Protein backbone atom coordinates (compact mmCIF):
# COMPACT_ATOMS: atom_id res chain seq x y z
CA MET A 1 24.27 1.20 -12.48
CA LEU A 2 26.52 4.48 -11.21
CA ARG A 3 26.62 5.85 -14.91
CA GLN A 4 22.47 5.11 -15.50
CA LEU A 5 22.36 6.90 -11.99
CA SER A 6 24.15 9.57 -12.93
CA ASN A 7 22.58 10.11 -16.33
CA LEU A 8 19.38 10.80 -13.88
CA PHE A 9 20.57 13.89 -12.61
CA ARG A 10 21.85 14.93 -16.17
CA VAL A 11 18.40 15.00 -17.56
CA GLU A 12 17.47 18.92 -16.21
CA SER A 13 13.44 17.77 -16.17
CA LEU A 14 14.66 13.71 -14.41
CA ARG A 15 16.63 16.31 -11.83
CA SER A 16 14.18 18.59 -11.01
CA ARG A 17 11.19 15.94 -10.63
CA ILE A 18 13.69 13.97 -7.93
CA LEU A 19 14.62 16.84 -5.75
CA VAL A 20 11.08 17.95 -5.58
CA THR A 21 10.74 14.79 -4.96
CA LEU A 22 12.86 14.65 -2.01
CA GLY A 23 12.45 17.85 -0.60
CA LEU A 24 8.47 16.80 -0.48
CA LEU A 25 8.73 14.07 1.89
CA PHE A 26 11.74 15.73 4.06
CA VAL A 27 8.27 17.71 4.62
CA TYR A 28 6.67 15.22 5.96
CA ARG A 29 9.24 13.42 7.71
CA PHE A 30 9.02 16.71 9.37
CA GLY A 31 5.47 17.24 10.00
CA ASN A 32 5.21 13.25 11.51
CA GLN A 33 7.78 14.26 14.11
CA LEU A 34 6.21 17.71 15.52
CA LEU A 35 4.21 18.20 18.60
CA LEU A 36 0.86 19.05 19.04
CA PRO A 37 0.11 22.14 21.25
CA GLY A 38 -0.32 21.28 24.74
CA VAL A 39 2.41 18.54 24.48
CA ASN A 40 5.77 18.58 26.96
CA HIS A 41 8.09 17.21 24.36
CA ALA A 42 10.79 16.80 27.40
CA ALA A 43 9.00 14.84 29.29
CA LEU A 44 7.11 12.33 26.37
CA GLN A 45 10.59 11.34 25.40
CA GLY A 46 11.51 10.80 29.57
CA TRP A 47 7.94 8.24 28.74
CA LEU A 48 9.19 6.88 25.77
CA GLU A 49 12.68 6.18 27.22
CA LYS A 50 11.24 4.15 30.20
CA GLN A 51 9.10 2.36 28.07
CA THR A 52 10.69 -1.50 26.98
CA ASP A 53 7.79 -2.27 24.78
CA SER A 54 6.28 0.28 21.93
CA GLY A 55 2.81 -0.98 23.06
CA VAL A 56 1.38 -0.44 19.61
CA THR A 57 -1.10 -3.31 17.91
CA PRO A 58 -1.60 -5.61 15.31
CA PHE A 59 -4.06 -3.13 14.20
CA VAL A 60 -1.85 0.46 14.89
CA GLY A 61 0.77 -0.94 13.23
CA LEU A 62 -0.85 -1.82 10.19
CA MET A 63 -2.42 1.53 10.17
CA ASN A 64 0.83 3.24 10.48
CA ALA A 65 2.23 1.15 8.31
CA LEU A 66 0.01 1.25 5.83
CA ALA A 67 -1.01 5.11 6.39
CA GLY A 68 2.37 6.74 6.61
CA ALA A 69 0.90 7.56 10.11
CA ASN A 70 1.65 8.02 13.62
CA VAL A 71 -1.03 6.74 15.34
CA ASN A 72 0.21 5.69 19.35
CA MET A 73 1.91 9.37 19.46
CA PRO A 74 0.63 13.03 19.41
CA VAL A 75 1.91 15.06 16.68
CA PHE A 76 0.30 16.72 13.76
CA MET A 77 -0.06 13.80 11.67
CA SER A 78 -0.49 11.12 13.91
CA LEU A 79 -3.49 9.68 10.71
CA GLY A 80 -0.77 9.98 8.46
CA ILE A 81 -2.73 10.10 4.76
CA LEU A 82 -4.67 7.13 6.49
CA PRO A 83 -8.41 9.09 5.87
CA TYR A 84 -7.51 9.66 2.20
CA ILE A 85 -7.11 5.61 1.87
CA THR A 86 -9.95 5.45 3.71
CA SER A 87 -12.33 7.99 1.71
CA SER A 88 -10.55 6.10 -1.61
CA ILE A 89 -10.89 2.68 -0.78
CA ILE A 90 -14.94 4.19 -0.24
CA PHE A 91 -15.63 5.58 -2.92
CA SER A 92 -13.95 2.83 -5.40
CA LEU A 93 -16.73 0.26 -3.92
CA LEU A 94 -19.22 3.13 -4.48
CA VAL A 95 -18.24 3.26 -7.88
CA LYS A 96 -19.24 0.24 -9.01
CA VAL A 97 -22.31 0.22 -6.47
CA LEU A 98 -23.69 2.96 -6.96
CA PRO A 99 -25.36 4.06 -11.18
CA SER A 100 -24.77 8.13 -10.66
CA LEU A 101 -20.74 7.26 -9.77
CA GLU A 102 -20.50 4.73 -12.18
CA ALA A 103 -21.78 7.10 -15.25
CA LEU A 104 -19.27 9.85 -13.42
CA SER A 105 -16.32 7.22 -13.92
CA LYS A 106 -16.75 6.59 -17.82
CA GLU A 107 -17.30 10.55 -18.50
CA GLY A 108 -13.35 10.23 -18.70
CA ALA A 109 -10.58 12.58 -17.33
CA ALA A 110 -13.20 14.90 -16.19
CA GLY A 111 -15.73 12.71 -13.98
CA GLN A 112 -12.16 11.15 -12.10
CA ARG A 113 -11.49 14.57 -11.34
CA LYS A 114 -15.10 14.95 -9.99
CA ILE A 115 -14.55 11.71 -8.03
CA ASN A 116 -11.52 12.06 -6.91
CA GLN A 117 -13.02 15.36 -5.58
CA TYR A 118 -15.35 14.18 -3.71
CA SER A 119 -13.05 11.69 -1.88
CA ARG A 120 -10.98 14.87 -0.78
CA LEU A 121 -14.02 16.43 0.64
CA PHE A 122 -15.00 13.00 2.03
CA THR A 123 -11.74 12.69 3.65
CA VAL A 124 -12.54 16.07 6.25
CA PRO A 125 -15.28 14.41 7.72
CA ILE A 126 -13.34 10.97 8.33
CA CYS A 127 -10.52 12.67 9.98
CA ILE A 128 -12.50 14.50 12.29
CA ALA A 129 -14.18 11.02 13.21
CA GLN A 130 -10.26 9.35 13.23
CA ALA A 131 -9.30 11.97 14.89
CA LEU A 132 -11.11 12.14 18.13
CA ALA A 133 -11.03 8.30 18.04
CA ILE A 134 -7.00 8.39 18.45
CA THR A 135 -7.37 11.09 20.69
CA PHE A 136 -9.50 9.92 23.73
CA SER A 137 -7.97 5.73 22.99
CA PHE A 138 -4.11 6.79 22.79
CA PHE A 139 -3.90 10.11 23.52
CA ARG A 140 -5.79 9.97 27.15
CA GLY A 141 -4.26 6.55 28.04
CA ILE A 142 -0.40 8.77 27.78
CA ALA A 143 -2.01 11.58 29.76
CA ASN A 144 -3.56 9.03 32.14
CA GLU A 145 0.04 6.80 32.20
CA ALA A 146 2.54 9.75 32.20
CA ASP A 147 3.03 12.66 34.57
CA GLY A 148 3.15 16.12 32.80
CA VAL A 149 3.12 14.68 29.23
CA ILE A 150 -0.53 16.53 28.57
CA PRO A 151 -0.64 18.75 31.34
CA GLU A 152 -3.60 20.42 30.34
CA TRP A 153 -5.98 17.04 29.51
CA GLY A 154 -8.97 18.89 28.62
CA PHE A 155 -12.05 20.50 25.74
CA GLY A 156 -9.80 22.85 24.72
CA PHE A 157 -6.81 20.19 24.40
CA VAL A 158 -9.31 17.78 22.24
CA LEU A 159 -10.61 20.94 20.28
CA THR A 160 -6.93 21.95 18.86
CA THR A 161 -5.85 18.30 18.64
CA VAL A 162 -8.49 17.15 16.46
CA ILE A 163 -8.46 21.21 14.58
CA GLY A 164 -4.32 20.02 14.32
CA ILE A 165 -4.66 16.34 13.44
CA THR A 166 -7.36 17.58 10.57
CA ALA A 167 -4.41 20.31 9.01
CA GLY A 168 -1.74 17.89 9.51
CA THR A 169 -3.68 15.44 7.50
CA ILE A 170 -5.30 17.89 4.30
CA PHE A 171 -1.70 19.07 4.17
CA LEU A 172 0.02 16.12 3.86
CA MET A 173 -3.06 14.61 0.92
CA TRP A 174 -1.13 18.00 -0.90
CA ILE A 175 1.78 16.59 -0.55
CA GLY A 176 0.87 13.51 -2.03
CA GLU A 177 -0.48 15.17 -4.91
CA GLN A 178 1.97 17.53 -5.10
CA ILE A 179 4.72 15.31 -5.36
CA THR A 180 2.04 13.28 -8.11
CA ALA A 181 1.74 16.46 -10.34
CA HIS A 182 5.45 17.37 -9.79
CA GLY A 183 7.63 14.99 -8.72
CA ILE A 184 7.92 11.09 -9.35
CA GLY A 185 5.93 8.42 -8.85
CA ASN A 186 2.76 8.91 -7.23
CA GLY A 187 2.95 10.89 -4.09
CA VAL A 188 0.35 9.03 -1.00
CA SER A 189 2.72 5.72 -2.15
CA LEU A 190 5.46 7.21 -2.17
CA ILE A 191 4.42 8.73 1.62
CA ILE A 192 3.61 5.47 2.66
CA THR A 193 6.76 3.35 1.29
CA ALA A 194 8.93 6.34 2.98
CA ASN A 195 7.33 4.84 6.40
CA ILE A 196 7.83 1.56 5.79
CA VAL A 197 11.23 1.63 4.82
CA SER A 198 12.33 5.10 7.94
CA ASP A 199 11.73 1.64 10.04
CA VAL A 200 14.37 -0.22 8.03
CA PRO A 201 17.66 1.03 10.55
CA THR A 202 15.37 0.39 13.95
CA ALA A 203 15.14 -3.35 13.00
CA PHE A 204 18.57 -3.51 11.63
CA PHE A 205 19.65 -2.60 14.61
CA ARG A 206 17.53 -5.09 16.79
CA ILE A 207 19.18 -7.99 15.05
CA LEU A 208 22.39 -5.95 16.27
CA ASP A 209 21.83 -5.93 19.78
CA GLN A 210 20.45 -8.99 19.53
CA SER A 211 23.48 -10.67 17.87
CA ALA A 212 25.72 -9.59 19.67
CA LYS A 213 23.71 -11.11 23.42
CA ASP A 214 23.14 -14.31 21.66
CA ARG A 215 25.62 -15.37 19.25
CA THR A 216 23.68 -17.95 18.40
CA TYR A 217 20.78 -15.47 16.80
CA ILE A 218 23.38 -14.62 14.33
CA LEU A 219 22.50 -18.01 12.48
CA THR A 220 18.43 -16.70 12.92
CA ALA A 221 19.68 -13.20 11.32
CA ALA A 222 21.71 -15.52 8.57
CA VAL A 223 18.10 -17.17 7.61
CA MET A 224 16.07 -14.13 7.75
CA ALA A 225 18.50 -12.80 5.20
CA VAL A 226 18.00 -15.29 2.94
CA VAL A 227 13.78 -16.00 3.47
CA TYR A 228 14.23 -11.46 2.85
CA PHE A 229 15.91 -11.66 -0.62
CA ALA A 230 13.57 -14.81 -1.41
CA VAL A 231 10.49 -13.34 -0.55
CA VAL A 232 11.16 -10.08 -2.56
CA ILE A 233 12.04 -11.72 -5.61
CA GLY A 234 8.41 -13.24 -5.29
CA VAL A 235 7.04 -10.67 -5.05
CA ILE A 236 8.41 -9.47 -7.49
CA TYR A 237 8.05 -12.03 -9.70
CA MET A 238 4.25 -12.16 -8.96
CA THR A 239 4.04 -8.52 -9.12
CA LYS A 240 5.03 -8.61 -13.53
CA ALA A 241 2.70 -12.15 -13.92
CA GLN A 242 0.51 -11.64 -16.05
CA ARG A 243 -2.47 -14.73 -17.98
CA ARG A 244 -1.91 -13.55 -21.60
CA ILE A 245 -4.67 -14.26 -23.39
CA PRO A 246 -5.07 -14.80 -26.69
CA ILE A 247 -7.08 -12.10 -29.29
CA HIS A 248 -7.17 -11.30 -32.87
CA GLN A 249 -8.86 -8.00 -34.33
CA ALA A 250 -10.91 -8.76 -37.43
CA LYS A 251 -9.92 -7.86 -40.72
CA GLN A 252 -11.45 -3.67 -41.73
CA MET A 253 -11.44 -1.93 -45.07
CA ARG A 254 -10.72 1.80 -43.98
CA GLY A 255 -10.94 3.49 -47.53
CA ASN A 256 -8.63 1.29 -49.97
CA ARG A 257 -6.14 -0.66 -47.17
CA MET A 258 -6.70 -3.64 -45.03
CA VAL A 259 -6.42 -3.28 -41.32
CA GLY A 260 -6.43 -4.97 -38.93
CA GLY A 261 -6.10 -8.95 -38.36
CA GLY A 262 -3.07 -9.60 -36.49
CA LYS A 263 -2.27 -11.24 -33.41
CA GLN A 264 -2.47 -9.80 -29.71
CA PHE A 265 -2.23 -10.52 -26.04
CA LEU A 266 -5.00 -9.36 -22.91
CA PRO A 267 -3.15 -9.45 -20.18
CA ILE A 268 -4.78 -10.68 -17.01
CA LYS A 269 -2.34 -9.84 -14.10
CA LEU A 270 -2.43 -12.88 -11.13
CA ASN A 271 -2.70 -10.41 -8.25
CA GLN A 272 -5.43 -8.18 -9.53
CA ALA A 273 -6.23 -7.70 -5.90
CA ASN A 274 -2.54 -5.88 -5.16
CA VAL A 275 -2.23 -5.82 -1.13
CA MET A 276 -6.15 -4.51 -0.14
CA PRO A 277 -7.49 -8.70 1.17
CA VAL A 278 -4.78 -8.93 3.34
CA ILE A 279 -4.86 -4.76 4.72
CA PHE A 280 -8.83 -5.91 5.01
CA ALA A 281 -8.44 -9.00 6.67
CA SER A 282 -5.99 -8.00 8.81
CA ALA A 283 -7.44 -4.71 9.80
CA ILE A 284 -11.26 -7.26 10.26
CA LEU A 285 -9.08 -9.85 12.50
CA THR A 286 -7.87 -6.34 14.61
CA LEU A 287 -9.86 -4.45 15.04
CA PRO A 288 -12.23 -5.76 17.98
CA THR A 289 -9.21 -6.12 20.00
CA THR A 290 -7.84 -2.98 19.64
CA ILE A 291 -11.46 -1.06 20.03
CA SER A 292 -12.30 -3.36 23.56
CA THR A 293 -8.50 -2.65 24.66
CA ALA A 294 -9.18 1.04 23.94
CA VAL A 295 -12.52 0.98 25.69
CA SER A 296 -12.06 -1.31 28.45
CA GLY A 297 -8.87 -2.36 29.16
CA GLY A 298 -9.61 -6.33 28.20
CA SER A 299 -9.01 -7.93 24.82
CA PHE A 300 -10.56 -10.71 23.19
CA ASP A 301 -8.49 -14.15 23.70
CA PHE A 302 -10.24 -16.69 21.20
CA ILE A 303 -8.17 -15.14 18.42
CA ALA A 304 -4.94 -14.73 20.08
CA TYR A 305 -1.95 -12.46 17.15
CA GLY A 306 -0.19 -15.35 15.78
CA GLY A 307 -2.08 -18.62 17.28
CA TRP A 308 -3.99 -21.87 15.30
CA TRP A 309 -7.30 -19.87 15.11
CA TRP A 310 -5.82 -16.14 14.39
CA ILE A 311 -4.16 -17.60 10.84
CA THR A 312 -6.92 -20.24 10.14
CA VAL A 313 -9.26 -17.10 9.84
CA GLU A 314 -7.01 -14.42 8.40
CA LEU A 315 -5.99 -17.15 5.05
CA VAL A 316 -9.88 -17.62 4.58
CA LEU A 317 -10.25 -13.72 5.13
CA ILE A 318 -7.49 -13.17 2.19
CA VAL A 319 -9.42 -15.88 0.12
CA PHE A 320 -12.99 -14.07 0.76
CA PHE A 321 -11.56 -10.67 -0.12
CA ALA A 322 -8.96 -11.66 -3.14
CA TYR A 323 -12.20 -12.58 -4.70
CA PHE A 324 -14.46 -10.11 -3.74
CA TRP A 325 -12.52 -6.92 -4.49
CA THR A 326 -11.12 -8.70 -7.51
CA SER A 327 -14.95 -9.53 -8.57
CA LEU A 328 -15.95 -5.25 -7.84
CA MET A 329 -12.89 -4.28 -10.12
CA PHE A 330 -12.58 -7.23 -12.87
CA GLN A 331 -15.90 -7.31 -14.96
CA PRO A 332 -15.90 -10.34 -17.40
CA ALA A 333 -19.68 -9.23 -19.42
CA GLU A 334 -17.90 -5.28 -19.86
CA MET A 335 -14.66 -6.68 -21.51
CA ALA A 336 -16.66 -9.21 -23.63
CA LYS A 337 -19.05 -6.75 -24.52
CA ASN A 338 -16.18 -3.77 -25.88
CA LEU A 339 -13.98 -6.27 -26.93
CA GLN A 340 -16.91 -6.99 -29.73
CA GLU A 341 -17.48 -3.45 -29.86
CA TYR A 342 -13.85 -3.45 -31.17
CA GLY A 343 -14.53 -6.17 -33.68
CA VAL A 344 -11.48 -8.22 -31.51
CA PHE A 345 -11.88 -11.75 -30.16
CA VAL A 346 -10.60 -14.39 -28.46
CA PRO A 347 -9.92 -17.71 -30.94
CA GLY A 348 -12.51 -20.36 -30.02
CA GLN A 349 -14.93 -18.38 -28.36
CA ARG A 350 -17.98 -16.95 -29.59
CA PRO A 351 -18.48 -12.64 -29.14
CA GLY A 352 -20.79 -12.13 -26.48
CA LYS A 353 -22.03 -14.70 -23.90
CA GLN A 354 -19.16 -17.37 -24.70
CA THR A 355 -16.31 -15.05 -23.80
CA ALA A 356 -17.43 -13.41 -20.54
CA ASP A 357 -17.82 -17.10 -19.39
CA PHE A 358 -14.60 -18.30 -20.64
CA LEU A 359 -12.67 -14.67 -18.78
CA ASN A 360 -14.55 -15.60 -15.35
CA LYS A 361 -13.07 -18.83 -15.67
CA ILE A 362 -9.39 -17.94 -16.42
CA MET A 363 -10.15 -14.65 -13.31
CA ILE A 364 -11.13 -17.61 -11.08
CA HIS A 365 -8.66 -19.33 -11.88
CA VAL A 366 -5.65 -16.80 -11.61
CA THR A 367 -7.24 -15.22 -8.65
CA LEU A 368 -7.02 -18.48 -6.93
CA VAL A 369 -3.17 -18.24 -7.42
CA GLY A 370 -3.06 -14.42 -6.15
CA ALA A 371 -4.62 -15.10 -3.49
CA ALA A 372 -2.53 -18.37 -2.18
CA PHE A 373 0.30 -16.10 -2.60
CA LEU A 374 -0.90 -13.47 -0.41
CA ALA A 375 -1.79 -16.11 2.22
CA ALA A 376 1.45 -17.41 2.37
CA LEU A 377 3.54 -13.82 2.30
CA ALA A 378 0.77 -12.94 4.97
CA VAL A 379 1.27 -15.25 7.28
CA ILE A 380 5.02 -15.20 7.14
CA PRO A 381 5.69 -12.77 9.92
CA THR A 382 3.43 -14.57 11.96
CA MET A 383 5.03 -17.72 11.30
CA ALA A 384 8.91 -15.91 11.60
CA SER A 385 7.51 -14.82 15.46
CA GLN A 386 6.06 -17.82 16.43
CA GLY A 387 8.79 -20.55 14.65
CA MET A 388 11.61 -18.80 15.51
CA GLY A 389 11.74 -16.16 18.20
CA ILE A 390 11.74 -13.11 16.12
CA ASP A 391 11.16 -10.08 17.66
CA ARG A 392 7.64 -8.93 16.21
CA PHE A 393 8.52 -5.77 14.44
CA VAL A 394 11.52 -7.15 12.69
CA ALA A 395 9.40 -10.21 11.28
CA GLN A 396 6.85 -7.71 9.72
CA PHE A 397 9.53 -7.41 7.06
CA LEU A 398 9.37 -10.80 6.10
CA GLY A 399 6.49 -10.41 4.38
CA GLY A 400 2.88 -8.78 4.86
CA THR A 401 1.38 -5.75 3.32
CA GLY A 402 4.79 -3.67 3.68
CA ILE A 403 6.70 -5.07 1.20
CA LEU A 404 3.85 -5.68 -1.12
CA ILE A 405 4.29 -2.17 -1.04
CA VAL A 406 7.38 -0.89 -0.78
CA VAL A 407 8.37 -3.53 -4.37
CA GLY A 408 5.53 -2.31 -6.06
CA VAL A 409 5.69 0.80 -5.54
CA THR A 410 9.49 0.97 -6.58
CA LEU A 411 9.47 -1.22 -9.49
CA ASP A 412 6.40 1.59 -10.21
CA LEU A 413 9.01 4.00 -9.32
CA VAL A 414 11.73 2.16 -11.63
CA ASP A 415 9.64 2.08 -14.85
CA GLN A 416 9.17 5.66 -14.45
CA LEU A 417 12.77 6.99 -14.59
CA ASN A 418 13.93 4.02 -17.22
CA ALA A 419 10.86 5.60 -19.65
CA GLY A 420 12.46 9.47 -19.12
CA LEU A 421 15.97 8.31 -19.82
CA MET A 422 15.08 6.32 -22.72
CA SER A 423 12.70 9.46 -24.20
CA ARG A 424 16.00 11.15 -24.11
CA GLN A 425 17.58 8.81 -25.69
CA TYR A 426 19.88 7.43 -22.48
CA GLU A 427 20.28 4.14 -21.38
CA GLY A 428 17.98 3.03 -19.00
CA PHE A 429 18.34 1.07 -16.21
CA MET A 430 19.31 -1.83 -17.63
CA THR A 431 22.89 -3.59 -19.73
CA ALA A 432 22.88 -2.38 -23.07
CA SER A 433 23.35 -5.82 -24.64
CA SER A 434 19.81 -6.56 -22.74
CA SER A 435 18.79 -3.13 -24.51
CA ARG A 436 20.07 -4.71 -27.97
CA ARG A 437 18.75 -8.06 -27.65
CA GLY A 438 15.18 -6.55 -26.39
CA ALA A 439 15.15 -4.69 -29.65
CA ARG A 440 16.27 -7.89 -32.10
CA GLY A 441 13.61 -9.37 -29.49
């Protein structure tokens, strides 16, 4: 492994891409701690040291984890990449709903660039709206609770805060695009992953501190370690898992040669919706409580975090959104039409409607497996927090959205690095014996 890691820096193009990625991620982490104008740094630090609890609600924690954000702190990158993610999700749904956008998406790279440009432009009004929301909910609360943190609260502070947060988000969006273009991996995904991983040392020291206070907690920490590695292995397996449908291509005469007729497979991922169902379910469950707490100081006690109703509703919502998102992204009729046009057929199924029905049936069964996996993964942190008495901040690393994102982005990053090494005749992230076995196979 050390030799393979050293090979990354022997290839000049890979070395430069890695250094660009690390440098831009450092800029992001620095900007994530840069305070907005009008905030007293010393007073804020003193107030934070007196806080026994972070006060971060489940919804705010979800936004921070999924967007590389720091929503509850008055910094330039408070919103992280959240407005851009929101805009991208909206346009992903609109492409499937509006015929004009659907036609534009079928124009290839040029159409996709146009849609991406629309997403960037729509990010600005979303960012302004979300910046106003967190300014009047979180920052005003800090100003009321902590004397001297925001000494001059008023229109001037609100205006500069909204402009500063919007500029920070646009700059962060540019950083993500530069990482994608000149670095390694997807820039937005790496920003989110870096934000999640940055909390690992804090969780680790909390475990050490708790173990020092209570020796019996060492056994709990050992159980958490076993559960963590088991969950990671399960996520890797489910991320890579596919339902491979055998397909045949009809033989065709091209000149004097007979082409086609080979047996291939049509891969369908078990978890096609990825992390989206968990995001939607968590947002719907926690948003009402967060809004009511910010506006009136109260909360909805009917669905308490970690309670029986919370878990039940969360499971139902995850299954629903898994089917909803998959039905939007996976079109059996269109896929069957494309197979028929290219002279490809599924053995035992007639081209056209029968093939579409067959693919739709497989999609329903496969999505059920993926939804069950997401549901089990989503409730692990809640069950660990409630059943084992583990701190909620620590329990979030045992499942949920964070581990799905980190594992998925890491696997994609390893694949890209491995492809870069193999294309230059360096040994990739696998043993030489496994490479020879793969070649013989």
